[in-house]
Amino acid sequence: MKYRTLGKSGPKVSALGLGCMGISEFYGPTDEKTGIEVIQKAYEKGINFFDTADMYGRGANEVLLGKAITSFRDDLIIATKCSLERIGDELNVNNDPSYIKNACLASLKRLNIDVIDLYYLHRYNPIIPIEVSMQAMLALIKEGKIRYVGLSEVDGEIVERAHHILGDKLVALQSEYSIVNRKPADIALPTCRKLGIAFVPFSPIARGLLSGKVTDSTTFVQSKAFDFRSILPQFQPEAYKSNLNLIEAVSAIAKRKHCTPAQLSLAWLLAQGDDIIPIPGTKRIDYLQENIKSLEVHLSPEDLNELAQAMKDNPVKGNRYPDKLLEKAYLKF
């Protein structure tokens, strides 16, 4: 396993983390036993960076992760998040200081740990200034409840304002970033680099789109358990058909590199800089092992240029999220 550093003064983490969300929900049927096996296999393979959130499975994902890591918790960097409240079927973004404190205490209990290594503000509601929310995070650091702080899906201005309060305790910005979806990084990565903050891409394989294994996006609608992709614009039939052009171009390059499209996609992200730490999610051990092998894929300048040309020639159709969800989560991009 290769390792990278979270921020200027943060801990060393595996160059690939594990996103745990899909183990509990959002991508079709789930199985807790298999999910625990995936987490433990990831640890055996050298992954020490595990990502969850209080809203995944309405707390169930944190509980599952806590069960899985009991015997090796001290070897890990555990990241979880707060601010996305699920009230019935609705989402609410709450970054009030009292909410942040109570959410942290609840996450510690569910994870069955004494301290959260990296605590993210999952989304930002501008009704409460970011400085106020970060003061609440600073109080949690002083109380020994959390070690470091992260933000998710915000722009460079918000990162700078948060950094003014937290300094080098702000070690990570987590946003969507992949060959398919690059705008969040285009907007915030320059600021992160100026301040020495790591960039943690979620959905680095574009929710399976870059795996080359999604042959019919309509199957997500037919899933027995809810599959988030059934409502995403990039997976709707017309957009998906257009987006296959980029996937086919990536797959052709991967074939020449003797790797899978998913491995090539992760290798591309890793090649963007040592401050990039992707957290691909999976609930299958074979996909986990496939992802880890991306660390062995070397991309030459010629390879990177070819991928850049493929992206230029095959623009992605469809937004990342439906307009209603963008609005509810206060997302600008």
Protein backbone atom coordinates (compact mmCIF):
# COMPACT_ATOMS: atom_id res chain seq x y z
CA MET A 1 0.00 0.00 0.00
CA LYS A 2 1.12 3.55 -0.71
CA TYR A 3 0.39 6.40 1.68
CA ARG A 4 -0.34 10.10 1.47
CA THR A 5 -0.78 12.86 4.05
CA LEU A 6 -4.00 14.64 4.98
CA GLY A 7 -3.14 18.32 4.86
CA LYS A 8 0.03 19.91 6.19
CA SER A 9 -0.05 18.37 9.63
CA GLY A 10 -2.61 15.59 9.40
CA PRO A 11 -2.09 11.83 9.59
CA LYS A 12 -0.76 9.52 6.90
CA VAL A 13 -3.49 7.58 5.17
CA SER A 14 -3.58 4.93 2.48
CA ALA A 15 -3.51 6.45 -1.00
CA LEU A 16 -6.93 4.88 -1.52
CA GLY A 17 -9.52 4.97 1.22
CA LEU A 18 -12.78 3.06 1.40
CA GLY A 19 -16.10 4.84 1.04
CA CYS A 20 -18.57 2.85 3.13
CA MET A 21 -21.88 4.48 2.17
CA GLY A 22 -22.99 1.89 -0.39
CA ILE A 23 -22.51 -0.94 2.09
CA SER A 24 -25.67 0.23 3.87
CA GLU A 25 -27.89 1.81 1.18
CA PHE A 26 -28.27 3.94 -1.94
CA TYR A 27 -26.98 1.38 -4.47
CA GLY A 28 -29.46 -1.47 -4.40
CA PRO A 29 -29.65 -4.45 -2.02
CA THR A 30 -27.17 -4.65 0.86
CA ASP A 31 -25.86 -7.32 3.19
CA GLU A 32 -24.29 -6.45 6.55
CA LYS A 33 -22.18 -9.62 6.84
CA THR A 34 -20.60 -9.09 3.42
CA GLY A 35 -20.12 -5.40 4.19
CA ILE A 36 -18.14 -6.20 7.32
CA GLU A 37 -16.04 -8.67 5.32
CA VAL A 38 -15.25 -5.96 2.75
CA ILE A 39 -14.13 -3.53 5.47
CA GLN A 40 -11.94 -6.13 7.12
CA LYS A 41 -10.44 -7.24 3.80
CA ALA A 42 -9.66 -3.60 2.99
CA TYR A 43 -7.72 -3.35 6.25
CA GLU A 44 -5.86 -6.58 5.48
CA LYS A 45 -4.83 -5.06 2.13
CA GLY A 46 -3.39 -1.98 3.80
CA ILE A 47 -6.28 0.50 3.65
CA ASN A 48 -6.42 2.53 6.85
CA PHE A 49 -8.76 5.36 5.79
CA PHE A 50 -12.47 4.62 6.16
CA ASP A 51 -15.24 7.09 5.32
CA THR A 52 -18.81 7.09 6.62
CA ALA A 53 -21.46 9.62 7.70
CA ASP A 54 -24.29 9.81 10.19
CA MET A 55 -26.90 9.98 7.42
CA TYR A 56 -25.81 6.78 5.64
CA GLY A 57 -28.45 4.23 6.55
CA ARG A 58 -29.71 6.73 9.14
CA GLY A 59 -26.79 5.82 11.40
CA ALA A 60 -26.62 2.14 10.44
CA ASN A 61 -23.43 2.59 8.41
CA GLU A 62 -21.57 4.02 11.39
CA VAL A 63 -22.76 1.12 13.55
CA LEU A 64 -21.63 -1.41 10.93
CA LEU A 65 -18.21 0.21 10.56
CA GLY A 66 -17.81 0.26 14.33
CA LYS A 67 -18.53 -3.48 14.49
CA ALA A 68 -16.09 -4.26 11.70
CA ILE A 69 -13.07 -2.38 13.10
CA THR A 70 -13.20 -3.26 16.79
CA SER A 71 -9.97 -5.28 16.82
CA PHE A 72 -7.88 -2.82 14.82
CA ARG A 73 -9.43 0.58 15.41
CA ASP A 74 -6.13 2.11 16.66
CA ASP A 75 -4.54 1.47 13.24
CA LEU A 76 -7.16 3.50 11.38
CA ILE A 77 -8.15 7.00 10.39
CA ILE A 78 -11.93 7.13 10.72
CA ALA A 79 -13.81 9.89 8.93
CA THR A 80 -17.48 10.65 9.47
CA LYS A 81 -19.72 13.61 8.77
CA CYS A 82 -22.59 15.70 10.10
CA SER A 83 -25.06 18.34 8.86
CA LEU A 84 -27.29 16.33 6.52
CA GLU A 85 -30.43 15.58 8.50
CA ARG A 86 -32.95 13.12 7.12
CA ILE A 87 -36.41 14.09 8.26
CA GLY A 88 -38.77 11.52 6.82
CA ASP A 89 -38.01 11.48 3.11
CA GLU A 90 -36.66 15.03 3.16
CA LEU A 91 -33.11 16.33 3.53
CA ASN A 92 -32.19 19.31 5.69
CA VAL A 93 -28.77 20.92 5.98
CA ASN A 94 -28.10 21.87 9.60
CA ASN A 95 -24.77 23.36 10.63
CA ASP A 96 -25.92 24.98 13.87
CA PRO A 97 -23.24 24.62 16.59
CA SER A 98 -25.53 22.79 19.02
CA TYR A 99 -26.51 20.35 16.28
CA ILE A 100 -22.85 19.73 15.36
CA LYS A 101 -21.97 18.92 18.96
CA ASN A 102 -24.91 16.56 19.47
CA ALA A 103 -24.31 14.87 16.11
CA CYS A 104 -20.66 14.27 17.05
CA LEU A 105 -21.61 12.64 20.35
CA ALA A 106 -24.14 10.41 18.58
CA SER A 107 -21.57 9.36 15.95
CA LEU A 108 -18.99 8.51 18.62
CA LYS A 109 -21.55 6.26 20.30
CA ARG A 110 -22.60 4.50 17.08
CA LEU A 111 -18.99 3.98 15.96
CA ASN A 112 -18.07 2.84 19.49
CA ILE A 113 -14.89 4.95 19.46
CA ASP A 114 -13.47 7.62 21.78
CA VAL A 115 -12.43 10.16 19.16
CA ILE A 116 -13.23 10.85 15.49
CA ASP A 117 -10.04 11.27 13.48
CA LEU A 118 -11.58 13.42 10.73
CA TYR A 119 -14.95 15.12 11.15
CA TYR A 120 -16.55 16.66 8.08
CA LEU A 121 -19.25 19.23 7.67
CA HIS A 122 -21.18 17.19 5.13
CA ARG A 123 -22.86 20.17 3.44
CA TYR A 124 -22.90 23.90 4.16
CA ASN A 125 -26.04 25.94 4.76
CA PRO A 126 -25.14 29.62 4.27
CA ILE A 127 -27.83 30.71 6.75
CA ILE A 128 -25.22 30.09 9.45
CA PRO A 129 -21.80 31.59 8.64
CA ILE A 130 -19.10 28.98 8.12
CA GLU A 131 -17.04 30.70 10.82
CA VAL A 132 -19.71 29.87 13.41
CA SER A 133 -19.78 26.19 12.40
CA MET A 134 -15.98 25.99 12.44
CA GLN A 135 -15.86 27.48 15.96
CA ALA A 136 -18.06 24.54 16.99
CA MET A 137 -15.59 22.16 15.35
CA LEU A 138 -12.71 23.90 17.14
CA ALA A 139 -14.50 23.38 20.46
CA LEU A 140 -14.82 19.64 19.70
CA ILE A 141 -11.07 19.48 19.01
CA LYS A 142 -10.34 21.15 22.35
CA GLU A 143 -12.67 18.69 24.08
CA GLY A 144 -10.81 15.76 22.53
CA LYS A 145 -13.87 14.53 20.63
CA ILE A 146 -12.32 15.00 17.17
CA ARG A 147 -8.77 15.40 15.85
CA TYR A 148 -9.13 17.11 12.48
CA VAL A 149 -11.83 18.79 10.40
CA GLY A 150 -12.95 18.49 6.79
CA LEU A 151 -15.44 20.20 4.52
CA SER A 152 -17.50 18.70 1.71
CA GLU A 153 -18.78 20.12 -1.56
CA VAL A 154 -17.93 23.79 -0.97
CA ASP A 155 -16.05 26.32 -3.07
CA GLY A 156 -12.69 27.96 -2.47
CA GLU A 157 -14.11 30.99 -0.68
CA ILE A 158 -15.74 28.84 2.00
CA VAL A 159 -12.55 26.80 2.37
CA GLU A 160 -10.54 29.98 2.96
CA ARG A 161 -12.99 31.30 5.54
CA ALA A 162 -12.99 27.97 7.39
CA HIS A 163 -9.20 27.81 7.29
CA HIS A 164 -9.04 31.26 8.91
CA ILE A 165 -10.69 29.74 11.99
CA LEU A 166 -9.09 26.29 12.04
CA GLY A 167 -5.69 26.76 10.41
CA ASP A 168 -3.89 23.47 9.84
CA LYS A 169 -6.60 21.53 11.69
CA LEU A 170 -8.59 21.83 8.46
CA VAL A 171 -6.95 19.00 6.53
CA ALA A 172 -9.39 17.84 3.85
CA LEU A 173 -12.02 18.88 1.34
CA GLN A 174 -14.18 16.01 0.14
CA SER A 175 -16.01 16.53 -3.14
CA GLU A 176 -17.02 14.53 -6.17
CA TYR A 177 -14.13 14.21 -8.61
CA SER A 178 -13.63 11.83 -11.52
CA ILE A 179 -12.95 11.75 -15.23
CA VAL A 180 -16.71 12.27 -15.64
CA ASN A 181 -17.25 14.99 -13.03
CA ARG A 182 -14.37 17.46 -12.75
CA LYS A 183 -16.03 20.78 -11.97
CA PRO A 184 -15.92 20.53 -8.12
CA ALA A 185 -12.14 20.11 -8.29
CA ASP A 186 -11.74 22.86 -10.87
CA ILE A 187 -13.52 25.22 -8.47
CA ALA A 188 -11.89 24.33 -5.14
CA LEU A 189 -8.62 22.47 -5.72
CA PRO A 190 -6.50 25.60 -6.38
CA THR A 191 -7.50 27.01 -2.98
CA CYS A 192 -6.83 23.68 -1.27
CA ARG A 193 -3.34 23.61 -2.75
CA LYS A 194 -2.65 27.18 -1.71
CA LEU A 195 -3.56 26.33 1.89
CA GLY A 196 -2.10 22.80 1.99
CA ILE A 197 -5.43 20.97 2.29
CA ALA A 198 -5.89 17.46 0.88
CA PHE A 199 -8.60 16.80 -1.71
CA VAL A 200 -10.61 13.62 -1.12
CA PRO A 201 -12.62 12.57 -4.20
CA PHE A 202 -15.81 10.63 -3.60
CA SER A 203 -17.46 8.73 -6.46
CA PRO A 204 -14.09 8.53 -8.26
CA ILE A 205 -15.49 5.90 -10.63
CA ALA A 206 -18.58 8.07 -11.23
CA ARG A 207 -20.93 5.72 -9.36
CA GLY A 208 -19.88 2.80 -11.51
CA LEU A 209 -20.19 4.62 -14.83
CA LEU A 210 -16.40 4.50 -15.35
CA SER A 211 -16.24 0.80 -14.52
CA GLY A 212 -17.44 -0.07 -18.01
CA LYS A 213 -19.75 -2.62 -16.38
CA VAL A 214 -22.96 -0.63 -16.51
CA THR A 215 -24.57 -1.90 -19.69
CA ASP A 216 -28.17 -0.79 -19.10
CA SER A 217 -28.93 2.15 -16.83
CA THR A 218 -32.65 1.30 -16.75
CA THR A 219 -31.93 -1.62 -14.42
CA PHE A 220 -31.44 0.86 -11.55
CA VAL A 221 -35.13 1.74 -11.70
CA GLN A 222 -36.02 -1.96 -11.44
CA SER A 223 -33.82 -2.60 -8.38
CA LYS A 224 -35.59 -4.26 -5.42
CA ALA A 225 -33.92 -1.75 -3.09
CA PHE A 226 -33.58 1.92 -3.98
CA ASP A 227 -30.66 2.69 -6.29
CA PHE A 228 -29.69 6.36 -6.23
CA ARG A 229 -28.58 6.21 -9.85
CA SER A 230 -32.19 5.77 -10.96
CA ILE A 231 -32.78 9.50 -10.38
CA LEU A 232 -29.41 10.91 -11.48
CA PRO A 233 -29.39 12.89 -14.75
CA GLN A 234 -26.19 11.28 -16.09
CA PHE A 235 -27.82 7.84 -15.91
CA GLN A 236 -31.09 8.72 -17.64
CA PRO A 237 -31.39 6.82 -20.96
CA GLU A 238 -30.64 9.67 -23.37
CA ALA A 239 -27.77 11.11 -21.34
CA TYR A 240 -26.39 7.67 -20.56
CA LYS A 241 -26.30 6.74 -24.24
CA SER A 242 -24.28 9.91 -24.94
CA ASN A 243 -21.98 9.38 -21.96
CA LEU A 244 -21.09 5.91 -23.19
CA ASN A 245 -18.87 7.61 -25.78
CA LEU A 246 -16.51 8.78 -23.03
CA ILE A 247 -16.66 5.39 -21.28
CA GLU A 248 -15.77 3.62 -24.52
CA ALA A 249 -12.82 5.97 -25.06
CA VAL A 250 -11.56 5.35 -21.51
CA SER A 251 -12.07 1.61 -21.92
CA ALA A 252 -10.00 1.58 -25.12
CA ILE A 253 -7.10 3.28 -23.34
CA ALA A 254 -7.43 0.89 -20.40
CA LYS A 255 -7.26 -2.09 -22.73
CA ARG A 256 -3.97 -0.86 -24.12
CA LYS A 257 -2.69 -0.32 -20.58
CA HIS A 258 -3.73 -3.88 -19.60
CA CYS A 259 -5.96 -2.64 -16.80
CA THR A 260 -9.69 -2.14 -16.25
CA PRO A 261 -11.47 1.16 -16.91
CA ALA A 262 -12.03 1.55 -13.15
CA GLN A 263 -8.32 1.07 -12.46
CA LEU A 264 -7.41 3.58 -15.16
CA SER A 265 -9.90 6.08 -13.72
CA LEU A 266 -8.41 5.76 -10.22
CA ALA A 267 -4.86 5.92 -11.59
CA TRP A 268 -5.79 9.15 -13.41
CA LEU A 269 -6.96 10.71 -10.15
CA LEU A 270 -3.88 9.55 -8.25
CA ALA A 271 -1.70 11.08 -10.97
CA GLN A 272 -3.27 14.51 -10.43
CA GLY A 273 -1.13 15.06 -7.32
CA ASP A 274 -0.01 13.56 -4.02
CA ASP A 275 -2.69 15.61 -2.27
CA ILE A 276 -5.45 13.61 -4.00
CA ILE A 277 -6.80 10.71 -1.90
CA PRO A 278 -9.76 8.95 -3.59
CA ILE A 279 -12.25 6.94 -1.55
CA PRO A 280 -13.92 4.50 -3.97
CA GLY A 281 -16.87 2.75 -2.40
CA THR A 282 -17.83 -0.88 -2.92
CA LYS A 283 -19.74 -3.67 -1.24
CA ARG A 284 -17.92 -6.44 -3.10
CA ILE A 285 -14.50 -7.89 -2.31
CA ASP A 286 -13.63 -8.48 -5.98
CA TYR A 287 -14.23 -4.81 -6.80
CA LEU A 288 -12.22 -3.81 -3.72
CA GLN A 289 -9.26 -5.85 -4.93
CA GLU A 290 -9.64 -4.46 -8.44
CA ASN A 291 -9.55 -0.91 -7.09
CA ILE A 292 -6.44 -1.51 -4.99
CA LYS A 293 -4.55 -2.74 -8.06
CA SER A 294 -4.99 0.72 -9.59
CA LEU A 295 -2.00 1.70 -7.44
CA GLU A 296 0.14 -0.41 -9.78
CA VAL A 297 -1.00 1.43 -12.93
CA HIS A 298 1.55 3.99 -14.13
CA LEU A 299 0.36 6.70 -16.49
CA SER A 300 2.91 8.43 -18.71
CA PRO A 301 2.51 12.04 -19.89
CA GLU A 302 1.32 10.58 -23.21
CA ASP A 303 -1.34 8.52 -21.42
CA LEU A 304 -2.55 11.58 -19.52
CA ASN A 305 -2.68 13.63 -22.71
CA GLU A 306 -4.71 10.91 -24.39
CA LEU A 307 -7.18 10.86 -21.52
CA ALA A 308 -7.40 14.66 -21.60
CA GLN A 309 -8.23 14.51 -25.30
CA ALA A 310 -10.87 11.83 -24.68
CA MET A 311 -12.52 14.09 -22.10
CA LYS A 312 -12.41 17.05 -24.48
CA ASP A 313 -13.85 15.05 -27.38
CA ASN A 314 -16.63 13.46 -25.33
CA PRO A 315 -18.36 16.06 -23.11
CA VAL A 316 -20.52 14.61 -20.37
CA LYS A 317 -24.28 15.03 -20.66
CA GLY A 318 -26.40 15.65 -17.57
CA ASN A 319 -25.77 17.26 -14.18
CA ARG A 320 -24.39 15.33 -11.24
CA TYR A 321 -27.66 15.64 -9.30
CA PRO A 322 -31.27 16.55 -10.05
CA ASP A 323 -31.97 20.29 -9.72
CA LYS A 324 -34.15 19.76 -6.65
CA LEU A 325 -31.37 17.96 -4.79
CA LEU A 326 -28.82 20.62 -5.77
CA GLU A 327 -31.14 23.23 -4.30
CA LYS A 328 -31.82 21.30 -1.08
CA ALA A 329 -28.13 20.70 -0.45
CA TYR A 330 -27.16 24.30 -1.31
CA LEU A 331 -24.88 23.08 -4.10
CA LYS A 332 -23.80 25.53 -6.77
CA PHE A 333 -22.23 22.96 -9.10
